[in-house]
N, C-alpha and C. Protein backbone atom coordinates (compact mmCIF):
# COMPACT_ATOMS: atom_id res chain seq x y z
N UNK A 1 54.00 -1.83 -10.05
CA UNK A 1 52.36 -1.83 -9.44
C UNK A 1 52.08 -2.73 -11.20
N UNK A 2 51.36 -3.25 -10.67
CA UNK A 2 50.31 -3.82 -11.77
C UNK A 2 48.98 -3.64 -11.91
N UNK A 3 48.57 -3.33 -12.96
CA UNK A 3 47.03 -2.70 -13.16
C UNK A 3 46.42 -4.20 -13.78
N UNK A 4 45.32 -4.60 -13.20
CA UNK A 4 44.72 -5.43 -13.94
C UNK A 4 43.20 -4.79 -14.78
N UNK A 5 42.58 -5.68 -15.79
CA UNK A 5 41.75 -5.12 -16.53
C UNK A 5 40.38 -4.83 -16.08
N UNK A 6 40.15 -5.24 -14.66
CA UNK A 6 38.98 -5.06 -14.12
C UNK A 6 38.88 -4.18 -13.04
N UNK A 7 40.15 -3.15 -12.76
CA UNK A 7 40.21 -2.25 -11.70
C UNK A 7 40.80 -2.84 -10.58
N UNK A 8 41.79 -3.45 -10.59
CA UNK A 8 42.61 -4.02 -9.53
C UNK A 8 43.79 -4.05 -9.88
N UNK A 9 44.54 -3.08 -8.36
CA UNK A 9 46.05 -2.65 -8.45
C UNK A 9 46.82 -3.82 -7.67
N UNK A 10 47.96 -4.45 -7.98
CA UNK A 10 48.55 -5.03 -7.12
C UNK A 10 50.36 -4.27 -7.06
N UNK A 11 50.71 -4.24 -5.89
CA UNK A 11 51.84 -3.60 -5.55
C UNK A 11 52.52 -4.51 -4.82
N UNK A 12 53.80 -4.71 -5.17
CA UNK A 12 54.84 -5.88 -4.32
C UNK A 12 55.45 -4.60 -3.50
N UNK A 13 55.26 -5.31 -2.00
CA UNK A 13 55.55 -4.40 -1.12
C UNK A 13 56.71 -4.94 -0.33
N UNK A 14 56.89 -6.20 -0.26
CA UNK A 14 58.23 -7.28 0.18
C UNK A 14 58.15 -7.87 -0.79
N UNK A 15 59.48 -9.09 -0.56
CA UNK A 15 60.02 -9.74 -1.16
C UNK A 15 58.84 -10.60 -2.06
N UNK A 16 57.94 -11.12 -1.04
CA UNK A 16 57.20 -11.99 -1.12
C UNK A 16 55.93 -11.36 -0.33
N UNK A 17 55.42 -10.30 -0.63
CA UNK A 17 53.99 -9.60 -0.07
C UNK A 17 53.99 -8.68 -1.03
N UNK A 18 52.45 -9.02 -1.76
CA UNK A 18 51.73 -7.96 -2.34
C UNK A 18 50.54 -7.24 -1.68
N UNK A 19 50.49 -6.03 -2.07
CA UNK A 19 49.34 -5.28 -1.63
C UNK A 19 48.00 -5.19 -2.88
N UNK A 20 46.79 -5.29 -2.71
CA UNK A 20 46.02 -5.74 -3.41
C UNK A 20 44.85 -4.75 -3.25
N UNK A 21 44.49 -3.75 -4.03
CA UNK A 21 43.37 -2.59 -4.12
C UNK A 21 42.51 -3.11 -5.17
N UNK A 22 41.08 -2.98 -4.92
CA UNK A 22 40.03 -3.31 -5.96
C UNK A 22 39.37 -1.87 -5.90
N UNK A 23 39.01 -1.74 -7.15
CA UNK A 23 38.17 -0.11 -7.33
C UNK A 23 36.71 -0.70 -6.85
N UNK A 24 36.31 0.49 -6.25
CA UNK A 24 34.75 0.63 -6.01
C UNK A 24 33.90 0.19 -7.13
N UNK A 25 32.99 -0.93 -6.45
CA UNK A 25 31.76 -1.29 -7.56
C UNK A 25 32.29 -2.28 -8.21
N UNK A 26 33.23 -3.02 -8.02
CA UNK A 26 33.43 -3.79 -9.46
C UNK A 26 32.76 -5.07 -8.70
N UNK A 27 32.49 -5.99 -9.21
CA UNK A 27 31.68 -7.47 -9.12
C UNK A 27 32.91 -8.51 -9.36
N UNK A 28 33.84 -8.89 -8.88
CA UNK A 28 34.70 -10.19 -9.28
C UNK A 28 34.28 -11.29 -9.58
N UNK A 29 34.36 -11.69 -11.04
CA UNK A 29 33.77 -13.18 -11.77
C UNK A 29 35.13 -13.94 -11.59
N UNK A 30 34.72 -15.24 -12.13
CA UNK A 30 35.72 -16.27 -12.36
C UNK A 30 36.80 -15.65 -13.42
N UNK A 31 36.51 -15.05 -14.62
CA UNK A 31 37.50 -14.73 -15.42
C UNK A 31 38.54 -13.64 -14.66
N UNK A 32 37.97 -13.05 -13.93
CA UNK A 32 38.96 -12.08 -13.09
C UNK A 32 39.82 -12.43 -11.89
N UNK A 33 39.42 -13.58 -11.67
CA UNK A 33 40.22 -14.24 -10.56
C UNK A 33 41.38 -15.00 -11.05
N UNK A 34 40.79 -15.75 -12.51
CA UNK A 34 42.25 -16.24 -13.24
C UNK A 34 43.00 -15.05 -13.76
N UNK A 35 42.83 -13.85 -14.06
CA UNK A 35 43.47 -13.00 -14.61
C UNK A 35 44.49 -12.67 -13.37
N UNK A 36 43.90 -12.52 -12.21
CA UNK A 36 44.46 -12.07 -10.90
C UNK A 36 45.54 -12.97 -10.58
N UNK A 37 44.97 -14.58 -10.67
CA UNK A 37 45.97 -15.50 -10.47
C UNK A 37 47.25 -15.64 -11.33
N UNK A 38 46.90 -15.32 -12.71
CA UNK A 38 47.80 -15.34 -13.65
C UNK A 38 49.12 -13.97 -13.30
N UNK A 39 48.68 -12.88 -13.13
CA UNK A 39 49.11 -12.01 -12.52
C UNK A 39 50.28 -12.40 -11.62
N UNK A 40 49.70 -12.79 -10.28
CA UNK A 40 50.40 -13.30 -9.13
C UNK A 40 51.41 -14.36 -9.56
N UNK A 41 51.27 -15.09 -10.29
CA UNK A 41 52.10 -16.30 -10.91
C UNK A 41 53.73 -15.60 -11.43
N UNK A 42 53.20 -14.31 -12.25
CA UNK A 42 54.14 -13.93 -13.01
C UNK A 42 55.22 -12.85 -12.05
N UNK A 43 54.45 -12.64 -10.42
CA UNK A 43 55.10 -11.64 -9.76
C UNK A 43 56.05 -12.75 -8.68
N UNK A 44 55.49 -13.91 -8.52
CA UNK A 44 55.76 -14.59 -7.52
C UNK A 44 56.38 -15.82 -7.84
N UNK A 45 57.52 -16.45 -7.91
CA UNK A 45 58.01 -17.85 -8.11
C UNK A 45 58.11 -18.88 -6.93
N UNK A 46 57.61 -18.23 -5.75
CA UNK A 46 57.62 -19.17 -4.72
C UNK A 46 56.34 -18.64 -4.01
N UNK A 47 56.29 -19.16 -2.57
CA UNK A 47 55.50 -18.95 -1.51
C UNK A 47 55.35 -17.21 -1.35
N UNK A 48 53.91 -16.85 -1.26
CA UNK A 48 53.84 -15.64 -0.92
C UNK A 48 52.56 -15.31 -0.20
N UNK A 49 52.32 -13.96 0.44
CA UNK A 49 51.18 -13.61 1.19
C UNK A 49 50.48 -12.21 0.42
N UNK A 50 49.40 -11.89 0.88
CA UNK A 50 48.78 -11.14 0.38
C UNK A 50 48.17 -10.02 1.33
N UNK A 51 48.20 -8.89 1.00
CA UNK A 51 47.55 -7.99 2.13
C UNK A 51 46.42 -7.23 1.15
N UNK A 52 44.94 -7.67 1.47
CA UNK A 52 43.92 -6.79 0.76
C UNK A 52 43.51 -5.78 1.54
N UNK A 53 43.70 -4.70 0.57
CA UNK A 53 43.55 -3.40 1.07
C UNK A 53 42.08 -2.96 0.78
N UNK A 54 41.09 -3.18 1.49
CA UNK A 54 39.55 -2.94 1.45
C UNK A 54 39.18 -1.94 1.88
N UNK A 55 39.64 -0.96 1.07
CA UNK A 55 39.05 0.45 1.24
C UNK A 55 37.89 0.92 0.60
N UNK A 56 37.48 0.01 -0.53
CA UNK A 56 36.20 0.48 -1.13
C UNK A 56 35.65 -0.83 -0.82
N UNK A 57 34.12 -0.48 -1.78
CA UNK A 57 32.84 -1.46 -1.69
C UNK A 57 32.97 -2.17 -3.20
N UNK A 58 33.54 -3.59 -2.88
CA UNK A 58 33.19 -4.53 -4.01
C UNK A 58 32.66 -6.06 -4.21
N UNK A 59 32.55 -6.75 -4.58
CA UNK A 59 31.67 -7.93 -4.30
C UNK A 59 32.32 -8.91 -5.01
N UNK A 60 31.99 -10.30 -4.98
CA UNK A 60 32.27 -11.42 -5.72
C UNK A 60 31.23 -12.37 -5.83
N UNK A 61 31.38 -12.90 -7.34
CA UNK A 61 30.22 -13.87 -7.74
C UNK A 61 30.45 -14.99 -6.89
N UNK A 62 29.46 -15.89 -6.66
CA UNK A 62 29.60 -17.00 -6.02
C UNK A 62 30.40 -17.99 -6.40
N UNK A 63 30.84 -18.30 -7.77
CA UNK A 63 31.71 -18.90 -8.49
C UNK A 63 33.26 -18.70 -8.17
N UNK A 64 33.56 -16.94 -7.97
CA UNK A 64 34.80 -16.59 -7.77
C UNK A 64 35.03 -16.67 -6.10
N UNK A 65 34.31 -16.74 -5.52
CA UNK A 65 34.30 -17.49 -3.84
C UNK A 65 35.13 -18.56 -3.73
N UNK A 66 34.38 -19.52 -4.83
CA UNK A 66 34.86 -20.78 -4.82
C UNK A 66 36.29 -20.95 -4.99
N UNK A 67 36.56 -20.22 -5.78
CA UNK A 67 38.31 -20.27 -6.52
C UNK A 67 39.04 -19.13 -5.81
N UNK A 68 38.82 -18.39 -5.62
CA UNK A 68 39.72 -17.29 -5.07
C UNK A 68 40.70 -17.97 -4.18
N UNK A 69 41.95 -17.63 -3.82
CA UNK A 69 42.97 -17.68 -2.90
C UNK A 69 43.21 -19.59 -2.80
N UNK A 70 43.27 -19.91 -4.24
CA UNK A 70 43.40 -21.67 -4.44
C UNK A 70 44.75 -21.54 -5.01
N UNK A 71 45.80 -20.61 -5.04
CA UNK A 71 46.78 -21.12 -5.55
C UNK A 71 47.78 -21.70 -4.51
N UNK A 72 48.67 -22.99 -4.93
CA UNK A 72 49.13 -23.33 -3.78
C UNK A 72 50.23 -22.53 -3.15
N UNK A 73 50.72 -21.52 -3.85
CA UNK A 73 51.85 -20.66 -3.15
C UNK A 73 51.62 -19.68 -2.62
N UNK A 74 50.08 -19.37 -2.50
CA UNK A 74 49.54 -18.42 -1.29
C UNK A 74 49.59 -18.63 0.02
N UNK A 75 50.27 -18.34 0.90
CA UNK A 75 50.53 -19.01 2.36
C UNK A 75 49.51 -18.40 2.99
N UNK A 76 49.51 -16.82 3.43
CA UNK A 76 48.47 -16.28 3.95
C UNK A 76 47.66 -15.37 3.38
N UNK A 77 46.59 -14.93 3.73
CA UNK A 77 46.08 -13.32 3.28
C UNK A 77 45.59 -12.64 4.56
N UNK A 78 45.91 -11.17 4.51
CA UNK A 78 45.31 -10.53 5.53
C UNK A 78 44.66 -9.35 4.88
N UNK A 79 43.37 -9.23 5.31
CA UNK A 79 42.53 -8.08 4.88
C UNK A 79 42.26 -7.17 5.63
N UNK A 80 42.62 -5.84 5.27
CA UNK A 80 42.66 -4.50 6.09
C UNK A 80 41.53 -3.75 5.35
N UNK A 81 40.35 -3.55 6.77
CA UNK A 81 39.54 -2.70 6.14
C UNK A 81 39.51 -1.31 6.65
N UNK A 82 39.41 -0.27 6.18
CA UNK A 82 39.28 0.95 6.40
C UNK A 82 38.12 1.59 6.41
N UNK A 83 37.65 2.54 7.31
CA UNK A 83 36.40 3.08 7.58
C UNK A 83 36.16 3.76 6.62
N UNK A 84 34.60 3.87 5.87
CA UNK A 84 33.45 3.09 6.37
C UNK A 84 33.50 1.50 6.21
N UNK A 85 34.34 1.01 5.06
CA UNK A 85 34.06 -0.19 4.82
C UNK A 85 34.56 -1.33 5.78
N UNK A 86 33.81 -2.19 6.15
CA UNK A 86 34.06 -3.44 7.28
C UNK A 86 34.94 -4.47 6.90
N UNK A 87 35.77 -4.54 7.45
CA UNK A 87 36.91 -5.50 7.52
C UNK A 87 36.51 -6.91 7.16
N UNK A 88 36.05 -7.60 5.91
CA UNK A 88 35.11 -8.82 6.26
C UNK A 88 35.30 -9.75 5.08
N UNK A 89 35.44 -10.65 5.17
CA UNK A 89 35.37 -11.97 3.85
C UNK A 89 34.20 -12.15 3.49
N UNK A 90 34.16 -12.49 2.04
CA UNK A 90 32.99 -12.93 1.56
C UNK A 90 32.34 -14.07 1.97
N UNK A 91 31.15 -14.14 2.07
CA UNK A 91 30.27 -15.41 3.01
C UNK A 91 30.58 -16.55 2.60
N UNK A 92 31.07 -17.24 1.26
CA UNK A 92 31.44 -18.48 1.01
C UNK A 92 32.72 -18.60 1.91
N UNK A 93 33.61 -17.31 2.22
CA UNK A 93 34.66 -18.06 3.06
C UNK A 93 34.55 -18.37 4.57
N UNK A 94 33.30 -18.14 5.19
CA UNK A 94 32.69 -18.55 5.93
C UNK A 94 31.77 -19.91 6.38
N UNK A 95 31.51 -20.32 5.02
CA UNK A 95 30.88 -21.63 5.09
C UNK A 95 31.47 -22.56 4.08
N UNK A 96 31.32 -22.39 2.65
CA UNK A 96 31.51 -23.62 1.89
C UNK A 96 33.10 -23.53 1.48
N UNK A 97 33.98 -22.70 2.15
CA UNK A 97 35.46 -22.71 2.07
C UNK A 97 36.15 -22.79 3.42
N UNK A 98 35.18 -22.99 4.52
CA UNK A 98 35.88 -23.28 5.65
C UNK A 98 36.57 -24.95 5.65
N UNK A 99 36.21 -26.14 4.70
CA UNK A 99 36.89 -27.07 4.82
C UNK A 99 38.26 -26.70 3.85
N UNK A 100 38.48 -25.72 3.16
CA UNK A 100 39.88 -25.89 2.87
C UNK A 100 41.05 -25.22 3.74
N UNK A 101 40.26 -24.84 4.79
CA UNK A 101 41.17 -23.98 5.92
C UNK A 101 42.22 -23.10 5.19
N UNK A 102 41.60 -22.09 4.96
CA UNK A 102 42.66 -20.87 4.24
C UNK A 102 43.05 -20.15 5.40
N UNK A 103 44.23 -19.73 5.21
CA UNK A 103 45.07 -18.89 6.19
C UNK A 103 44.93 -17.43 6.01
N UNK A 104 44.06 -17.18 6.49
CA UNK A 104 43.60 -15.60 6.61
C UNK A 104 42.87 -15.04 7.88
N UNK A 105 43.09 -13.56 7.94
CA UNK A 105 43.21 -12.84 8.98
C UNK A 105 42.50 -11.51 8.64
N UNK A 106 41.53 -11.01 9.54
CA UNK A 106 41.12 -9.67 9.19
C UNK A 106 41.85 -8.41 10.19
N UNK A 107 41.68 -7.60 9.59
CA UNK A 107 42.65 -6.50 10.32
C UNK A 107 41.65 -5.39 10.53
N UNK A 108 41.40 -4.21 11.19
CA UNK A 108 41.00 -2.88 11.09
C UNK A 108 42.18 -2.30 10.79
N UNK A 109 41.67 -0.98 9.72
CA UNK A 109 42.49 -0.16 9.40
C UNK A 109 43.64 0.54 10.12
N UNK A 110 43.49 2.06 10.14
CA UNK A 110 44.23 2.80 10.63
C UNK A 110 44.13 2.90 11.98
N UNK A 111 44.79 3.05 12.77
CA UNK A 111 46.43 3.84 12.52
C UNK A 111 47.21 2.46 12.02
N UNK A 112 47.44 1.58 12.77
CA UNK A 112 48.34 0.82 12.49
C UNK A 112 47.85 -0.63 11.96
N UNK A 113 46.74 -0.77 11.26
CA UNK A 113 46.08 -2.31 10.69
C UNK A 113 47.14 -2.54 9.48
N UNK A 114 47.78 -1.41 8.73
CA UNK A 114 48.64 -2.24 7.42
C UNK A 114 49.88 -2.95 8.06
N UNK A 115 50.34 -2.06 9.27
CA UNK A 115 51.70 -2.82 9.80
C UNK A 115 51.65 -3.85 10.53
N UNK A 116 50.47 -3.97 11.29
CA UNK A 116 50.26 -5.07 11.86
C UNK A 116 49.83 -6.46 11.10
N UNK A 117 49.46 -6.17 9.66
CA UNK A 117 49.11 -6.97 8.72
C UNK A 117 49.96 -7.45 8.05
N UNK A 118 50.88 -6.89 7.57
CA UNK A 118 52.44 -6.96 7.28
C UNK A 118 53.21 -8.02 8.19
N UNK A 119 53.09 -7.31 9.71
CA UNK A 119 54.11 -8.27 10.57
C UNK A 119 53.58 -9.88 10.41
N UNK A 120 51.72 -10.03 10.35
CA UNK A 120 51.58 -11.17 10.49
C UNK A 120 51.65 -11.99 9.34
N UNK A 121 51.92 -11.25 8.16
CA UNK A 121 52.07 -11.91 7.05
C UNK A 121 53.41 -12.51 7.01
N UNK A 122 54.38 -12.11 7.17
CA UNK A 122 55.79 -11.98 7.29
C UNK A 122 55.97 -13.44 8.47
N UNK A 123 55.13 -13.43 9.66
CA UNK A 123 55.26 -14.46 10.57
C UNK A 123 54.80 -15.44 10.00
N UNK A 124 53.79 -15.88 8.93
CA UNK A 124 53.03 -16.78 8.57
C UNK A 124 54.17 -17.40 7.39
N UNK A 125 54.67 -16.82 6.70
CA UNK A 125 55.20 -16.73 5.50
C UNK A 125 57.05 -17.61 5.88
N UNK A 126 57.17 -17.18 7.19
CA UNK A 126 58.32 -17.38 8.11
C UNK A 126 58.25 -18.98 8.16
N UNK A 127 57.05 -19.11 9.16
CA UNK A 127 56.65 -20.41 9.69
C UNK A 127 56.17 -21.43 8.44
N UNK A 128 55.95 -21.38 7.28
CA UNK A 128 55.95 -21.79 6.18
C UNK A 128 56.91 -22.29 5.49
N UNK A 129 58.23 -21.82 5.87
CA UNK A 129 59.57 -22.16 5.08
C UNK A 129 59.68 -23.39 5.76
N UNK A 130 60.19 -24.37 4.75
CA UNK A 130 60.83 -25.48 5.56
C UNK A 130 62.27 -25.42 6.17
N UNK A 131 62.43 -26.33 7.29
CA UNK A 131 63.67 -25.93 7.95
C UNK A 131 64.53 -27.00 7.59
N UNK A 132 65.69 -26.81 7.54
CA UNK A 132 66.91 -27.83 6.73
C UNK A 132 67.80 -28.15 8.08
N UNK A 133 68.01 -29.16 8.10
CA UNK A 133 69.27 -29.47 9.23
C UNK A 133 70.59 -30.04 8.50
């Protein structure tokens, strides 16, 4: 488990998948995104997927929304919302970042949200693997 300075916990749950939980009330800024990306670079040396556990209310600065999920090794992101928090992405994902074609999917939480999200992430990672003949 990795604990970041701004109230973010990262757990490696598979060889190439990590679960991310951010504390309630945090506003993620550009410096926090940099710390987050640096941590993921230490955890993973190749392609990876993220399961964002959206059980708490937190927000992103506009600048952070523009830069998050920009790692070339990030293949897919699954966002799992747990009641009463809605499973949704920051506004810039729907507008400004649309051109980036980020591979993101939103799942509802219990009872099977995490399992479905992990299955989807494994599939996305398998699709991204180069085939050798």
